[in-house]
Amino acid sequence: MITRKRLGIIYSITFILMLAVNYFTATDVGMVADENPAIIQPAGYVFSIWGVIYLLLFFWIVRMFFKNNSSERVYESIHYWLVANFVLNGLWIIAFTQLWYLTSVIIIIGLLVTLLVIYKKISHVSTYWFDRLPFSIYFGWATVATIVNIVTWVNEMGVEEVVGFNEYQWTLALLITGTAIAIFVSLVHQDWLYPLVFAWAYVGIIVRNDYELFWLTAVCGASILIHLGVSFYTGIKRAKR
């Protein structure tokens, strides 16, 4: 219990600091992202998912102070990985708004790694739905954001082709790759929420591009249907466990 409460206090402090950084730079992030948007970047409203993620994380941390000892393993298993995640989240905001694109890519990859570790540790020690809920959405969105961040960095370097593929062709390849990742994670971990985050982002990509690119719309549309189907399937299987 002492360990859980100590971790809860540390989580709370780093979470508040991360929120403060986000609050004071949120407008700058949007402005930087819109300066030279990649094709794969979703419409602005899609980024409102951060609000959902932070709200769920808030309840997850507060819940630590009221749970009994049976939930001790969940919090002890992730230990200071969540602190590292919050620190990297704040550092990414600073790097991106300062136009340090390569640094932002390195940081967001580190952030994604911390989420992968947290996600797998919680999946290993707990089957209770809310223990993993915030991180299913957070992990899914961080995966999408990492892909977008890398493409944005490449665009800012003025690179028009990579391995003979232009941005449009790479976008199609990355969308298909993202779909494969979402299916794999969902099926392996019986997680119906993770692929829904990809579907949410893909709808935003279609909306931002105004349906002008036929194959982009087709790939996104097919991927959305696949994500929904996998979510439905894994949701049923998890409910039966």
C-alpha atoms as a PDB file:
ATOM      1  CA  MET A   1       0.000   0.000   0.000  1.00  0.00           C
ATOM      2  CA  ILE A   2       2.838   2.378   0.870  1.00  0.00           C
ATOM      3  CA  THR A   3       4.490   1.706  -2.501  1.00  0.00           C
ATOM      4  CA  ARG A   4       1.251   2.325  -4.343  1.00  0.00           C
ATOM      5  CA  LYS A   5       0.595   5.627  -2.591  1.00  0.00           C
ATOM      6  CA  ARG A   6       4.164   6.793  -3.102  1.00  0.00           C
ATOM      7  CA  LEU A   7       3.922   5.990  -6.797  1.00  0.00           C
ATOM      8  CA  GLY A   8       0.533   7.709  -6.894  1.00  0.00           C
ATOM      9  CA  ILE A   9       2.029  10.927  -5.545  1.00  0.00           C
ATOM     10  CA  ILE A  10       4.937  10.794  -8.017  1.00  0.00           C
ATOM     11  CA  TYR A  11       2.574  10.034 -10.894  1.00  0.00           C
ATOM     12  CA  SER A  12       0.335  12.937  -9.866  1.00  0.00           C
ATOM     13  CA  ILE A  13       3.192  15.455  -9.753  1.00  0.00           C
ATOM     14  CA  THR A  14       4.656  14.460 -13.135  1.00  0.00           C
ATOM     15  CA  PHE A  15       1.173  14.286 -14.665  1.00  0.00           C
ATOM     16  CA  ILE A  16       0.377  17.843 -13.531  1.00  0.00           C
ATOM     17  CA  LEU A  17       3.710  19.120 -14.881  1.00  0.00           C
ATOM     18  CA  MET A  18       3.039  17.412 -18.214  1.00  0.00           C
ATOM     19  CA  LEU A  19      -0.432  18.967 -18.390  1.00  0.00           C
ATOM     20  CA  ALA A  20       1.047  22.395 -17.639  1.00  0.00           C
ATOM     21  CA  VAL A  21       3.483  22.082 -20.550  1.00  0.00           C
ATOM     22  CA  ASN A  22       0.655  20.934 -22.820  1.00  0.00           C
ATOM     23  CA  TYR A  23      -1.633  23.750 -21.706  1.00  0.00           C
ATOM     24  CA  PHE A  24       0.855  26.533 -22.369  1.00  0.00           C
ATOM     25  CA  THR A  25       2.003  25.179 -25.746  1.00  0.00           C
ATOM     26  CA  ALA A  26      -1.110  23.515 -27.187  1.00  0.00           C
ATOM     27  CA  THR A  27      -1.762  26.348 -29.658  1.00  0.00           C
ATOM     28  CA  ASP A  28       1.863  26.345 -30.805  1.00  0.00           C
ATOM     29  CA  VAL A  29       1.736  22.620 -31.563  1.00  0.00           C
ATOM     30  CA  GLY A  30      -1.289  23.101 -33.810  1.00  0.00           C
ATOM     31  CA  MET A  31       0.344  26.014 -35.612  1.00  0.00           C
ATOM     32  CA  VAL A  32       3.560  24.098 -36.253  1.00  0.00           C
ATOM     33  CA  ALA A  33       1.682  21.018 -37.453  1.00  0.00           C
ATOM     34  CA  ASP A  34      -0.392  23.089 -39.887  1.00  0.00           C
ATOM     35  CA  GLU A  35       2.567  24.921 -41.428  1.00  0.00           C
ATOM     36  CA  ASN A  36       3.486  22.105 -43.802  1.00  0.00           C
ATOM     37  CA  PRO A  37       1.098  19.221 -43.094  1.00  0.00           C
ATOM     38  CA  ALA A  38       1.855  15.763 -44.433  1.00  0.00           C
ATOM     39  CA  ILE A  39      -0.816  13.904 -46.387  1.00  0.00           C
ATOM     40  CA  ILE A  40      -1.066  11.394 -43.543  1.00  0.00           C
ATOM     41  CA  GLN A  41      -1.813  14.093 -40.952  1.00  0.00           C
ATOM     42  CA  PRO A  42      -5.461  13.841 -39.783  1.00  0.00           C
ATOM     43  CA  ALA A  43      -7.883  16.767 -39.518  1.00  0.00           C
ATOM     44  CA  GLY A  44      -7.483  19.004 -36.475  1.00  0.00           C
ATOM     45  CA  TYR A  45     -10.506  17.659 -34.598  1.00  0.00           C
ATOM     46  CA  VAL A  46      -8.908  14.201 -34.428  1.00  0.00           C
ATOM     47  CA  PHE A  47      -6.309  15.525 -31.973  1.00  0.00           C
ATOM     48  CA  SER A  48      -9.075  16.088 -29.420  1.00  0.00           C
ATOM     49  CA  ILE A  49      -8.419  12.464 -28.468  1.00  0.00           C
ATOM     50  CA  TRP A  50      -5.629  13.837 -26.256  1.00  0.00           C
ATOM     51  CA  GLY A  51      -8.348  15.224 -23.981  1.00  0.00           C
ATOM     52  CA  VAL A  52      -9.874  11.749 -23.641  1.00  0.00           C
ATOM     53  CA  ILE A  53      -6.465  10.212 -22.945  1.00  0.00           C
ATOM     54  CA  TYR A  54      -5.556  12.751 -20.261  1.00  0.00           C
ATOM     55  CA  LEU A  55      -8.964  12.452 -18.595  1.00  0.00           C
ATOM     56  CA  LEU A  56      -8.686   8.667 -18.429  1.00  0.00           C
ATOM     57  CA  LEU A  57      -5.132   8.895 -17.097  1.00  0.00           C
ATOM     58  CA  PHE A  58      -6.348  11.305 -14.417  1.00  0.00           C
ATOM     59  CA  PHE A  59      -9.011   8.840 -13.222  1.00  0.00           C
ATOM     60  CA  TRP A  60      -6.507   5.980 -13.428  1.00  0.00           C
ATOM     61  CA  ILE A  61      -4.075   7.816 -11.137  1.00  0.00           C
ATOM     62  CA  VAL A  62      -6.747   8.981  -8.682  1.00  0.00           C
ATOM     63  CA  ARG A  63      -8.036   5.413  -8.506  1.00  0.00           C
ATOM     64  CA  MET A  64      -4.668   4.332  -7.097  1.00  0.00           C
ATOM     65  CA  PHE A  65      -5.400   6.038  -3.793  1.00  0.00           C
ATOM     66  CA  PHE A  66      -8.673   4.170  -3.255  1.00  0.00           C
ATOM     67  CA  LYS A  67      -7.935   0.662  -4.488  1.00  0.00           C
ATOM     68  CA  ASN A  68      -7.272  -2.244  -2.125  1.00  0.00           C
ATOM     69  CA  ASN A  69      -4.094  -4.274  -1.970  1.00  0.00           C
ATOM     70  CA  SER A  70      -5.285  -6.696  -4.642  1.00  0.00           C
ATOM     71  CA  SER A  71      -4.481  -4.096  -7.323  1.00  0.00           C
ATOM     72  CA  GLU A  72      -0.966  -3.502  -5.991  1.00  0.00           C
ATOM     73  CA  ARG A  73       0.622  -5.628  -8.720  1.00  0.00           C
ATOM     74  CA  VAL A  74      -0.689  -3.411 -11.513  1.00  0.00           C
ATOM     75  CA  TYR A  75       0.996  -0.278 -10.216  1.00  0.00           C
ATOM     76  CA  GLU A  76       4.145  -1.999  -9.058  1.00  0.00           C
ATOM     77  CA  SER A  77       4.562  -3.684 -12.441  1.00  0.00           C
ATOM     78  CA  ILE A  78       4.823  -0.406 -14.352  1.00  0.00           C
ATOM     79  CA  HIS A  79       6.765   1.308 -11.553  1.00  0.00           C
ATOM     80  CA  TYR A  80       8.514   4.412 -12.962  1.00  0.00           C
ATOM     81  CA  TRP A  81       7.789   3.692 -16.620  1.00  0.00           C
ATOM     82  CA  LEU A  82       4.773   5.991 -16.406  1.00  0.00           C
ATOM     83  CA  VAL A  83       6.925   8.789 -14.982  1.00  0.00           C
ATOM     84  CA  ALA A  84       9.300   8.378 -17.922  1.00  0.00           C
ATOM     85  CA  ASN A  85       6.330   8.554 -20.278  1.00  0.00           C
ATOM     86  CA  PHE A  86       5.031  11.799 -18.786  1.00  0.00           C
ATOM     87  CA  VAL A  87       8.505  13.351 -18.946  1.00  0.00           C
ATOM     88  CA  LEU A  88       8.937  12.335 -22.587  1.00  0.00           C
ATOM     89  CA  ASN A  89       5.449  13.656 -23.384  1.00  0.00           C
ATOM     90  CA  GLY A  90       6.398  17.091 -22.076  1.00  0.00           C
ATOM     91  CA  LEU A  91       9.794  17.023 -23.792  1.00  0.00           C
ATOM     92  CA  TRP A  92       8.160  16.120 -27.097  1.00  0.00           C
ATOM     93  CA  ILE A  93       5.903  19.183 -26.880  1.00  0.00           C
ATOM     94  CA  ILE A  94       8.930  21.410 -26.300  1.00  0.00           C
ATOM     95  CA  ALA A  95      10.983  19.834 -29.114  1.00  0.00           C
ATOM     96  CA  PHE A  96       8.143  19.961 -31.646  1.00  0.00           C
ATOM     97  CA  THR A  97       7.184  23.577 -30.932  1.00  0.00           C
ATOM     98  CA  GLN A  98      10.848  24.580 -31.204  1.00  0.00           C
ATOM     99  CA  LEU A  99      10.940  22.939 -34.665  1.00  0.00           C
ATOM    100  CA  TRP A 100      13.494  20.365 -33.548  1.00  0.00           C
ATOM    101  CA  TYR A 101      11.919  17.742 -35.782  1.00  0.00           C
ATOM    102  CA  LEU A 102      14.583  15.039 -35.552  1.00  0.00           C
ATOM    103  CA  THR A 103      14.702  15.434 -31.774  1.00  0.00           C
ATOM    104  CA  SER A 104      10.907  15.210 -31.633  1.00  0.00           C
ATOM    105  CA  VAL A 105      11.026  11.963 -33.629  1.00  0.00           C
ATOM    106  CA  ILE A 106      13.576  10.445 -31.245  1.00  0.00           C
ATOM    107  CA  ILE A 107      11.539  11.519 -28.222  1.00  0.00           C
ATOM    108  CA  ILE A 108       8.215  10.237 -29.540  1.00  0.00           C
ATOM    109  CA  ILE A 109       9.787   6.870 -30.361  1.00  0.00           C
ATOM    110  CA  GLY A 110      11.004   6.744 -26.753  1.00  0.00           C
ATOM    111  CA  LEU A 111       7.504   7.663 -25.589  1.00  0.00           C
ATOM    112  CA  LEU A 112       6.059   4.865 -27.719  1.00  0.00           C
ATOM    113  CA  VAL A 113       8.513   2.386 -26.196  1.00  0.00           C
ATOM    114  CA  THR A 114       7.457   3.348 -22.655  1.00  0.00           C
ATOM    115  CA  LEU A 115       3.824   2.820 -23.615  1.00  0.00           C
ATOM    116  CA  LEU A 116       4.600  -0.564 -25.151  1.00  0.00           C
ATOM    117  CA  VAL A 117       6.282  -1.647 -21.895  1.00  0.00           C
ATOM    118  CA  ILE A 118       3.426  -0.303 -19.737  1.00  0.00           C
ATOM    119  CA  TYR A 119       0.788  -1.872 -21.990  1.00  0.00           C
ATOM    120  CA  LYS A 120       2.428  -5.313 -21.948  1.00  0.00           C
ATOM    121  CA  LYS A 121       3.099  -5.252 -18.204  1.00  0.00           C
ATOM    122  CA  ILE A 122      -0.516  -4.381 -17.380  1.00  0.00           C
ATOM    123  CA  SER A 123      -1.799  -6.979 -19.867  1.00  0.00           C
ATOM    124  CA  HIS A 124       0.368  -9.579 -18.126  1.00  0.00           C
ATOM    125  CA  VAL A 125      -0.748  -8.927 -14.536  1.00  0.00           C
ATOM    126  CA  SER A 126      -4.373  -7.821 -14.874  1.00  0.00           C
ATOM    127  CA  THR A 127      -7.553  -8.723 -16.740  1.00  0.00           C
ATOM    128  CA  TYR A 128      -9.675  -5.944 -15.241  1.00  0.00           C
ATOM    129  CA  TRP A 129     -10.902  -3.736 -18.087  1.00  0.00           C
ATOM    130  CA  PHE A 130     -10.086  -0.307 -16.620  1.00  0.00           C
ATOM    131  CA  ASP A 131      -6.508  -1.167 -15.666  1.00  0.00           C
ATOM    132  CA  ARG A 132      -5.549  -1.152 -19.352  1.00  0.00           C
ATOM    133  CA  LEU A 133      -8.243   1.141 -20.788  1.00  0.00           C
ATOM    134  CA  PRO A 134      -6.323   4.474 -20.781  1.00  0.00           C
ATOM    135  CA  PHE A 135      -3.233   2.825 -22.199  1.00  0.00           C
ATOM    136  CA  SER A 136      -5.073   1.017 -24.998  1.00  0.00           C
ATOM    137  CA  ILE A 137      -6.145   4.402 -26.353  1.00  0.00           C
ATOM    138  CA  TYR A 138      -2.879   6.168 -25.493  1.00  0.00           C
ATOM    139  CA  PHE A 139      -0.753   3.414 -27.067  1.00  0.00           C
ATOM    140  CA  GLY A 140      -2.918   3.377 -30.200  1.00  0.00           C
ATOM    141  CA  TRP A 141      -2.741   7.134 -30.618  1.00  0.00           C
ATOM    142  CA  ALA A 142       1.007   7.280 -29.908  1.00  0.00           C
ATOM    143  CA  THR A 143       1.529   4.690 -32.660  1.00  0.00           C
ATOM    144  CA  VAL A 144      -0.356   6.879 -35.131  1.00  0.00           C
ATOM    145  CA  ALA A 145       1.375  10.046 -33.892  1.00  0.00           C
ATOM    146  CA  THR A 146       4.810   8.459 -34.285  1.00  0.00           C
ATOM    147  CA  ILE A 147       4.112   7.629 -37.930  1.00  0.00           C
ATOM    148  CA  VAL A 148       2.832  11.154 -38.607  1.00  0.00           C
ATOM    149  CA  ASN A 149       5.798  12.707 -36.779  1.00  0.00           C
ATOM    150  CA  ILE A 150       8.323  10.743 -38.855  1.00  0.00           C
ATOM    151  CA  VAL A 151       6.626  11.729 -42.131  1.00  0.00           C
ATOM    152  CA  THR A 152       6.520  15.383 -40.999  1.00  0.00           C
ATOM    153  CA  TRP A 153      10.273  15.277 -40.266  1.00  0.00           C
ATOM    154  CA  VAL A 154      11.012  13.821 -43.712  1.00  0.00           C
ATOM    155  CA  ASN A 155       8.853  16.522 -45.344  1.00  0.00           C
ATOM    156  CA  GLU A 156      10.621  19.280 -43.435  1.00  0.00           C
ATOM    157  CA  MET A 157      13.958  18.028 -44.750  1.00  0.00           C
ATOM    158  CA  GLY A 158      12.644  18.615 -48.263  1.00  0.00           C
ATOM    159  CA  VAL A 159      12.900  14.953 -49.221  1.00  0.00           C
ATOM    160  CA  GLU A 160      10.483  14.279 -52.093  1.00  0.00           C
ATOM    161  CA  GLU A 161      11.226  10.584 -52.602  1.00  0.00           C
ATOM    162  CA  VAL A 162      12.450   7.774 -50.359  1.00  0.00           C
ATOM    163  CA  VAL A 163      13.533   4.516 -52.007  1.00  0.00           C
ATOM    164  CA  GLY A 164      11.797   5.692 -55.173  1.00  0.00           C
ATOM    165  CA  PHE A 165       8.453   6.296 -53.414  1.00  0.00           C
ATOM    166  CA  ASN A 166       6.913   9.764 -53.177  1.00  0.00           C
ATOM    167  CA  GLU A 167       4.925  11.010 -50.182  1.00  0.00           C
ATOM    168  CA  TYR A 168       1.595   9.829 -51.584  1.00  0.00           C
ATOM    169  CA  GLN A 169       2.890   6.300 -52.187  1.00  0.00           C
ATOM    170  CA  TRP A 170       4.538   6.172 -48.764  1.00  0.00           C
ATOM    171  CA  THR A 171       1.296   7.359 -47.189  1.00  0.00           C
ATOM    172  CA  LEU A 172      -0.604   4.442 -48.718  1.00  0.00           C
ATOM    173  CA  ALA A 173       2.116   2.014 -47.557  1.00  0.00           C
ATOM    174  CA  LEU A 174       2.090   3.438 -44.029  1.00  0.00           C
ATOM    175  CA  LEU A 175      -1.701   3.248 -43.813  1.00  0.00           C
ATOM    176  CA  ILE A 176      -1.577  -0.419 -44.743  1.00  0.00           C
ATOM    177  CA  THR A 177       1.282  -0.995 -42.283  1.00  0.00           C
ATOM    178  CA  GLY A 178      -0.673   0.799 -39.550  1.00  0.00           C
ATOM    179  CA  THR A 179      -3.650  -1.442 -40.229  1.00  0.00           C
ATOM    180  CA  ALA A 180      -1.459  -4.533 -39.926  1.00  0.00           C
ATOM    181  CA  ILE A 181      -0.037  -3.288 -36.603  1.00  0.00           C
ATOM    182  CA  ALA A 182      -3.515  -2.568 -35.247  1.00  0.00           C
ATOM    183  CA  ILE A 183      -4.775  -6.021 -36.219  1.00  0.00           C
ATOM    184  CA  PHE A 184      -1.753  -7.743 -34.693  1.00  0.00           C
ATOM    185  CA  VAL A 185      -1.939  -5.926 -31.347  1.00  0.00           C
ATOM    186  CA  SER A 186      -5.699  -6.328 -31.144  1.00  0.00           C
ATOM    187  CA  LEU A 187      -5.673 -10.064 -31.801  1.00  0.00           C
ATOM    188  CA  VAL A 188      -2.655 -10.855 -29.609  1.00  0.00           C
ATOM    189  CA  HIS A 189      -3.927  -8.862 -26.609  1.00  0.00           C
ATOM    190  CA  GLN A 190      -7.675  -9.198 -27.186  1.00  0.00           C
ATOM    191  CA  ASP A 191      -7.931  -5.408 -27.284  1.00  0.00           C
ATOM    192  CA  TRP A 192     -10.941  -3.948 -29.104  1.00  0.00           C
ATOM    193  CA  LEU A 193     -10.048  -0.317 -28.325  1.00  0.00           C
ATOM    194  CA  TYR A 194      -6.585  -0.174 -29.889  1.00  0.00           C
ATOM    195  CA  PRO A 195      -7.742  -0.553 -33.535  1.00  0.00           C
ATOM    196  CA  LEU A 196     -10.592   1.925 -33.005  1.00  0.00           C
ATOM    197  CA  VAL A 197      -8.002   4.659 -32.448  1.00  0.00           C
ATOM    198  CA  PHE A 198      -6.571   3.934 -35.904  1.00  0.00           C
ATOM    199  CA  ALA A 199     -10.057   4.058 -37.410  1.00  0.00           C
ATOM    200  CA  TRP A 200     -10.598   7.455 -35.735  1.00  0.00           C
ATOM    201  CA  ALA A 201      -7.349   8.775 -37.231  1.00  0.00           C
ATOM    202  CA  TYR A 202      -8.056   7.361 -40.695  1.00  0.00           C
ATOM    203  CA  VAL A 203     -11.426   9.089 -40.842  1.00  0.00           C
ATOM    204  CA  GLY A 204      -9.607  12.330 -40.019  1.00  0.00           C
ATOM    205  CA  ILE A 205      -7.138  11.726 -42.868  1.00  0.00           C
ATOM    206  CA  ILE A 206      -9.992  11.340 -45.344  1.00  0.00           C
ATOM    207  CA  VAL A 207     -11.724  14.467 -44.035  1.00  0.00           C
ATOM    208  CA  ARG A 208      -8.595  16.633 -44.173  1.00  0.00           C
ATOM    209  CA  ASN A 209      -7.833  15.600 -47.743  1.00  0.00           C
ATOM    210  CA  ASP A 210     -11.399  16.388 -48.841  1.00  0.00           C
ATOM    211  CA  TYR A 211     -11.868  13.042 -50.596  1.00  0.00           C
ATOM    212  CA  GLU A 212      -9.636  14.253 -53.452  1.00  0.00           C
ATOM    213  CA  LEU A 213      -7.197  11.337 -53.489  1.00  0.00           C
ATOM    214  CA  PHE A 214      -9.035   8.223 -54.647  1.00  0.00           C
ATOM    215  CA  TRP A 215      -6.628   5.551 -53.456  1.00  0.00           C
ATOM    216  CA  LEU A 216      -6.051   7.329 -50.164  1.00  0.00           C
ATOM    217  CA  THR A 217      -9.784   7.336 -49.537  1.00  0.00           C
ATOM    218  CA  ALA A 218     -10.121   3.722 -50.652  1.00  0.00           C
ATOM    219  CA  VAL A 219      -7.292   2.459 -48.437  1.00  0.00           C
ATOM    220  CA  CYS A 220      -8.497   4.468 -45.438  1.00  0.00           C
ATOM    221  CA  GLY A 221     -12.065   3.325 -45.973  1.00  0.00           C
ATOM    222  CA  ALA A 222     -11.089  -0.342 -46.234  1.00  0.00           C
ATOM    223  CA  SER A 223      -8.837  -0.013 -43.195  1.00  0.00           C
ATOM    224  CA  ILE A 224     -11.621   1.570 -41.155  1.00  0.00           C
ATOM    225  CA  LEU A 225     -13.930  -1.344 -41.948  1.00  0.00           C
ATOM    226  CA  ILE A 226     -11.181  -3.825 -41.035  1.00  0.00           C
ATOM    227  CA  HIS A 227     -10.490  -2.005 -37.765  1.00  0.00           C
ATOM    228  CA  LEU A 228     -14.161  -2.018 -36.856  1.00  0.00           C
ATOM    229  CA  GLY A 229     -14.440  -5.712 -37.698  1.00  0.00           C
ATOM    230  CA  VAL A 230     -11.377  -6.641 -35.634  1.00  0.00           C
ATOM    231  CA  SER A 231     -12.615  -4.495 -32.734  1.00  0.00           C
ATOM    232  CA  PHE A 232     -15.967  -6.242 -32.791  1.00  0.00           C
ATOM    233  CA  TYR A 233     -14.334  -9.682 -32.938  1.00  0.00           C
ATOM    234  CA  THR A 234     -11.831  -9.061 -30.140  1.00  0.00           C
ATOM    235  CA  GLY A 235     -14.526  -7.414 -28.035  1.00  0.00           C
ATOM    236  CA  ILE A 236     -16.653 -10.558 -28.231  1.00  0.00           C
ATOM    237  CA  LYS A 237     -13.712 -12.856 -27.451  1.00  0.00           C
ATOM    238  CA  ARG A 238     -12.632 -10.752 -24.464  1.00  0.00           C
ATOM    239  CA  ALA A 239     -16.196 -10.714 -23.114  1.00  0.00           C
ATOM    240  CA  LYS A 240     -16.247 -14.518 -23.188  1.00  0.00           C
ATOM    241  CA  ARG A 241     -13.052 -14.862 -21.156  1.00  0.00           C
END
